[in-house]
Amino acid sequence: MSAKKLPKNIIEDLIIYKLDDLIQSTGVCSCDRCRADIIAIALNKLPSRYVTSAGGDIMARMQSMDDQTQANITTAILKAIEQVKKKPHHDRGDY
């Protein structure tokens, strides 16, 4: 029996790809909790792009390479970073 390919939001991969550089340049905490919060906040601000196949993945990634999409992703991450910087949750025990 072959494993089913579950839907994948490629925007999450694109956020994670840019995240380290933006965390480093802004000086926000890079602990696992803060990283997860930044990713979640940014994902909630962007439209999802789900794929279920390798071909769909490649096509969606190519469409996501346009300047406007990249700018939207960067902006969403930077806004999320500012939000987490103001109220980090890394000291809370609910993670």
N, C-alpha and C. Protein backbone atom coordinates (compact mmCIF):
# COMPACT_ATOMS: atom_id res chain seq x y z
N MET A 1 0.84 -1.18 0.00
CA MET A 1 0.00 0.00 0.00
C MET A 1 0.89 1.24 0.00
N SER A 2 0.65 2.15 -0.92
CA SER A 2 1.46 3.36 -0.99
C SER A 2 0.92 4.43 -0.05
N ALA A 3 1.82 5.26 0.41
CA ALA A 3 1.43 6.34 1.31
C ALA A 3 0.70 7.43 0.52
N LYS A 4 -0.35 7.97 1.12
CA LYS A 4 -1.09 9.05 0.47
C LYS A 4 -0.33 10.35 0.63
N LYS A 5 -0.38 11.17 -0.39
CA LYS A 5 0.22 12.49 -0.35
C LYS A 5 -0.81 13.43 0.24
N LEU A 6 -0.55 13.95 1.42
CA LEU A 6 -1.47 14.89 2.06
C LEU A 6 -1.28 16.28 1.48
N PRO A 7 -2.32 17.08 1.49
CA PRO A 7 -2.16 18.45 1.01
C PRO A 7 -1.08 19.19 1.79
N LYS A 8 -0.31 20.00 1.11
CA LYS A 8 0.79 20.75 1.70
C LYS A 8 0.65 22.21 1.32
N ASN A 9 0.71 23.09 2.30
CA ASN A 9 0.68 24.53 2.06
C ASN A 9 2.12 24.98 1.79
N ILE A 10 2.46 25.26 0.54
CA ILE A 10 3.84 25.62 0.21
C ILE A 10 4.22 26.99 0.76
N ILE A 11 3.26 27.80 1.13
CA ILE A 11 3.58 29.10 1.72
C ILE A 11 4.36 28.89 3.02
N GLU A 12 4.04 27.83 3.76
CA GLU A 12 4.78 27.53 4.99
C GLU A 12 6.26 27.30 4.67
N ASP A 13 6.55 26.54 3.63
CA ASP A 13 7.94 26.30 3.25
C ASP A 13 8.64 27.61 2.87
N LEU A 14 7.93 28.47 2.15
CA LEU A 14 8.53 29.73 1.73
C LEU A 14 8.80 30.65 2.92
N ILE A 15 7.93 30.63 3.91
CA ILE A 15 8.14 31.41 5.14
C ILE A 15 9.36 30.87 5.88
N ILE A 16 9.43 29.57 6.06
CA ILE A 16 10.54 28.96 6.77
C ILE A 16 11.86 29.25 6.06
N TYR A 17 11.84 29.24 4.72
CA TYR A 17 13.04 29.53 3.94
C TYR A 17 13.58 30.92 4.22
N LYS A 18 12.70 31.91 4.41
CA LYS A 18 13.12 33.30 4.63
C LYS A 18 13.33 33.64 6.11
N LEU A 19 12.81 32.81 6.99
CA LEU A 19 12.72 33.15 8.40
C LEU A 19 14.05 33.43 9.07
N ASP A 20 15.04 32.58 8.90
CA ASP A 20 16.31 32.75 9.60
C ASP A 20 16.99 34.07 9.30
N ASP A 21 17.01 34.46 8.02
CA ASP A 21 17.63 35.74 7.66
C ASP A 21 16.90 36.91 8.31
N LEU A 22 15.57 36.86 8.33
CA LEU A 22 14.80 37.96 8.91
C LEU A 22 14.91 37.98 10.43
N ILE A 23 14.96 36.82 11.05
CA ILE A 23 15.17 36.77 12.51
C ILE A 23 16.52 37.37 12.85
N GLN A 24 17.53 36.99 12.11
CA GLN A 24 18.88 37.49 12.37
C GLN A 24 18.96 39.00 12.18
N SER A 25 18.33 39.51 11.14
CA SER A 25 18.43 40.95 10.86
C SER A 25 17.60 41.80 11.81
N THR A 26 16.60 41.21 12.46
CA THR A 26 15.76 41.99 13.38
C THR A 26 16.12 41.79 14.85
N GLY A 27 16.86 40.74 15.16
CA GLY A 27 17.27 40.50 16.52
C GLY A 27 16.18 39.94 17.42
N VAL A 28 15.10 39.44 16.85
CA VAL A 28 14.03 38.83 17.64
C VAL A 28 14.54 37.49 18.19
N CYS A 29 13.96 37.06 19.29
CA CYS A 29 14.30 35.77 19.89
C CYS A 29 14.10 34.67 18.85
N SER A 30 15.01 33.71 18.81
CA SER A 30 14.92 32.63 17.83
C SER A 30 14.65 31.27 18.48
N CYS A 31 14.12 31.28 19.70
CA CYS A 31 13.78 30.00 20.34
C CYS A 31 12.66 29.32 19.55
N ASP A 32 12.46 28.04 19.80
CA ASP A 32 11.45 27.27 19.07
C ASP A 32 10.06 27.87 19.19
N ARG A 33 9.70 28.33 20.38
CA ARG A 33 8.36 28.91 20.61
C ARG A 33 8.18 30.18 19.79
N CYS A 34 9.17 31.08 19.83
CA CYS A 34 9.04 32.34 19.08
C CYS A 34 9.02 32.08 17.58
N ARG A 35 9.84 31.14 17.11
CA ARG A 35 9.84 30.78 15.68
C ARG A 35 8.46 30.25 15.27
N ALA A 36 7.91 29.35 16.09
CA ALA A 36 6.59 28.78 15.78
C ALA A 36 5.52 29.87 15.77
N ASP A 37 5.58 30.79 16.73
CA ASP A 37 4.60 31.88 16.77
C ASP A 37 4.71 32.77 15.53
N ILE A 38 5.94 33.09 15.13
CA ILE A 38 6.15 33.93 13.94
C ILE A 38 5.58 33.24 12.70
N ILE A 39 5.88 31.96 12.56
CA ILE A 39 5.39 31.21 11.40
C ILE A 39 3.86 31.17 11.39
N ALA A 40 3.26 30.89 12.53
CA ALA A 40 1.79 30.80 12.60
C ALA A 40 1.14 32.14 12.28
N ILE A 41 1.67 33.21 12.85
CA ILE A 41 1.10 34.54 12.61
C ILE A 41 1.22 34.90 11.12
N ALA A 42 2.38 34.68 10.55
CA ALA A 42 2.60 35.00 9.13
C ALA A 42 1.68 34.15 8.24
N LEU A 43 1.56 32.86 8.55
CA LEU A 43 0.68 31.99 7.75
C LEU A 43 -0.76 32.47 7.79
N ASN A 44 -1.21 32.96 8.92
CA ASN A 44 -2.58 33.44 9.05
C ASN A 44 -2.83 34.73 8.28
N LYS A 45 -1.78 35.43 7.88
CA LYS A 45 -1.91 36.68 7.13
C LYS A 45 -1.81 36.49 5.62
N LEU A 46 -1.45 35.29 5.20
CA LEU A 46 -1.23 35.04 3.77
C LEU A 46 -2.22 34.02 3.23
N PRO A 47 -2.55 34.12 1.94
CA PRO A 47 -3.42 33.10 1.35
C PRO A 47 -2.66 31.77 1.24
N SER A 48 -3.36 30.69 1.48
CA SER A 48 -2.76 29.37 1.40
C SER A 48 -2.60 28.95 -0.05
N ARG A 49 -1.60 28.12 -0.30
CA ARG A 49 -1.39 27.52 -1.63
C ARG A 49 -1.10 26.04 -1.41
N TYR A 50 -2.15 25.26 -1.44
CA TYR A 50 -2.03 23.83 -1.19
C TYR A 50 -1.76 23.05 -2.46
N VAL A 51 -0.90 22.06 -2.32
CA VAL A 51 -0.60 21.15 -3.43
C VAL A 51 -0.68 19.72 -2.91
N THR A 52 -0.91 18.78 -3.82
CA THR A 52 -0.98 17.37 -3.44
C THR A 52 -0.09 16.49 -4.30
N SER A 53 0.63 17.09 -5.23
CA SER A 53 1.50 16.30 -6.10
C SER A 53 2.80 17.04 -6.35
N ALA A 54 3.81 16.31 -6.80
CA ALA A 54 5.10 16.93 -7.10
C ALA A 54 4.95 17.96 -8.21
N GLY A 55 4.14 17.63 -9.22
CA GLY A 55 3.92 18.58 -10.31
C GLY A 55 3.23 19.85 -9.84
N GLY A 56 2.25 19.67 -8.97
CA GLY A 56 1.55 20.82 -8.40
C GLY A 56 2.48 21.64 -7.53
N ASP A 57 3.35 20.98 -6.81
CA ASP A 57 4.31 21.65 -5.95
C ASP A 57 5.24 22.53 -6.78
N ILE A 58 5.77 21.98 -7.84
CA ILE A 58 6.68 22.74 -8.70
C ILE A 58 5.97 23.93 -9.32
N MET A 59 4.78 23.72 -9.83
CA MET A 59 4.02 24.81 -10.46
C MET A 59 3.69 25.91 -9.45
N ALA A 60 3.24 25.53 -8.27
CA ALA A 60 2.89 26.52 -7.26
C ALA A 60 4.12 27.30 -6.80
N ARG A 61 5.24 26.62 -6.67
CA ARG A 61 6.48 27.31 -6.26
C ARG A 61 6.92 28.30 -7.33
N MET A 62 6.78 27.92 -8.57
CA MET A 62 7.15 28.84 -9.65
C MET A 62 6.26 30.08 -9.63
N GLN A 63 4.96 29.88 -9.40
CA GLN A 63 4.04 31.01 -9.32
C GLN A 63 4.33 31.88 -8.11
N SER A 64 4.88 31.30 -7.06
CA SER A 64 5.17 32.02 -5.83
C SER A 64 6.48 32.81 -5.90
N MET A 65 7.19 32.68 -6.99
CA MET A 65 8.46 33.37 -7.11
C MET A 65 8.31 34.81 -7.62
N ASP A 66 7.10 35.22 -7.97
CA ASP A 66 6.95 36.58 -8.48
C ASP A 66 7.23 37.58 -7.36
N ASP A 67 7.62 38.78 -7.76
CA ASP A 67 8.06 39.80 -6.80
C ASP A 67 6.99 40.16 -5.78
N GLN A 68 5.73 40.25 -6.21
CA GLN A 68 4.66 40.65 -5.29
C GLN A 68 4.44 39.59 -4.22
N THR A 69 4.44 38.32 -4.61
CA THR A 69 4.25 37.25 -3.64
C THR A 69 5.40 37.24 -2.64
N GLN A 70 6.62 37.38 -3.12
CA GLN A 70 7.77 37.42 -2.23
C GLN A 70 7.70 38.61 -1.28
N ALA A 71 7.27 39.76 -1.78
CA ALA A 71 7.12 40.94 -0.93
C ALA A 71 6.04 40.72 0.12
N ASN A 72 4.94 40.09 -0.26
CA ASN A 72 3.86 39.80 0.69
C ASN A 72 4.34 38.86 1.79
N ILE A 73 5.12 37.86 1.43
CA ILE A 73 5.64 36.91 2.41
C ILE A 73 6.59 37.62 3.37
N THR A 74 7.50 38.41 2.83
CA THR A 74 8.45 39.15 3.68
C THR A 74 7.73 40.10 4.62
N THR A 75 6.74 40.82 4.11
CA THR A 75 5.97 41.75 4.94
C THR A 75 5.23 41.01 6.05
N ALA A 76 4.61 39.89 5.73
CA ALA A 76 3.88 39.12 6.75
C ALA A 76 4.83 38.62 7.83
N ILE A 77 6.03 38.18 7.44
CA ILE A 77 7.01 37.71 8.43
C ILE A 77 7.46 38.87 9.31
N LEU A 78 7.77 40.00 8.71
CA LEU A 78 8.24 41.15 9.49
C LEU A 78 7.18 41.65 10.47
N LYS A 79 5.93 41.66 10.05
CA LYS A 79 4.85 42.05 10.96
C LYS A 79 4.71 41.04 12.09
N ALA A 80 4.84 39.78 11.77
CA ALA A 80 4.77 38.73 12.80
C ALA A 80 5.93 38.86 13.78
N ILE A 81 7.11 39.16 13.27
CA ILE A 81 8.28 39.36 14.13
C ILE A 81 8.03 40.51 15.11
N GLU A 82 7.50 41.60 14.61
CA GLU A 82 7.22 42.75 15.49
C GLU A 82 6.21 42.38 16.58
N GLN A 83 5.22 41.61 16.21
CA GLN A 83 4.20 41.18 17.17
C GLN A 83 4.81 40.28 18.25
N VAL A 84 5.64 39.35 17.84
CA VAL A 84 6.28 38.43 18.79
C VAL A 84 7.30 39.17 19.65
N LYS A 85 7.99 40.12 19.05
CA LYS A 85 8.97 40.92 19.80
C LYS A 85 8.30 41.67 20.96
N LYS A 86 7.11 42.19 20.69
CA LYS A 86 6.39 42.96 21.70
C LYS A 86 5.87 42.08 22.83
N LYS A 87 5.41 40.87 22.49
CA LYS A 87 4.83 39.98 23.49
C LYS A 87 5.26 38.54 23.24
N PRO A 88 6.51 38.23 23.55
CA PRO A 88 6.95 36.84 23.35
C PRO A 88 6.28 35.91 24.35
N HIS A 89 6.05 34.69 23.94
CA HIS A 89 5.41 33.70 24.80
C HIS A 89 6.37 32.60 25.24
N HIS A 90 7.67 32.79 24.99
CA HIS A 90 8.61 31.71 25.26
C HIS A 90 8.76 31.35 26.73
N ASP A 91 8.34 32.21 27.62
CA ASP A 91 8.42 31.91 29.05
C ASP A 91 7.16 31.25 29.60
N ARG A 92 6.14 31.14 28.76
CA ARG A 92 4.91 30.51 29.18
C ARG A 92 5.03 29.00 29.05
N GLY A 93 4.34 28.28 29.88
CA GLY A 93 4.44 26.83 29.87
C GLY A 93 3.40 26.15 29.00
N ASP A 94 2.74 26.87 28.11
CA ASP A 94 1.65 26.29 27.33
C ASP A 94 2.06 25.89 25.91
N TYR A 95 3.30 25.62 25.68
CA TYR A 95 3.77 25.28 24.35
C TYR A 95 3.86 23.80 24.18
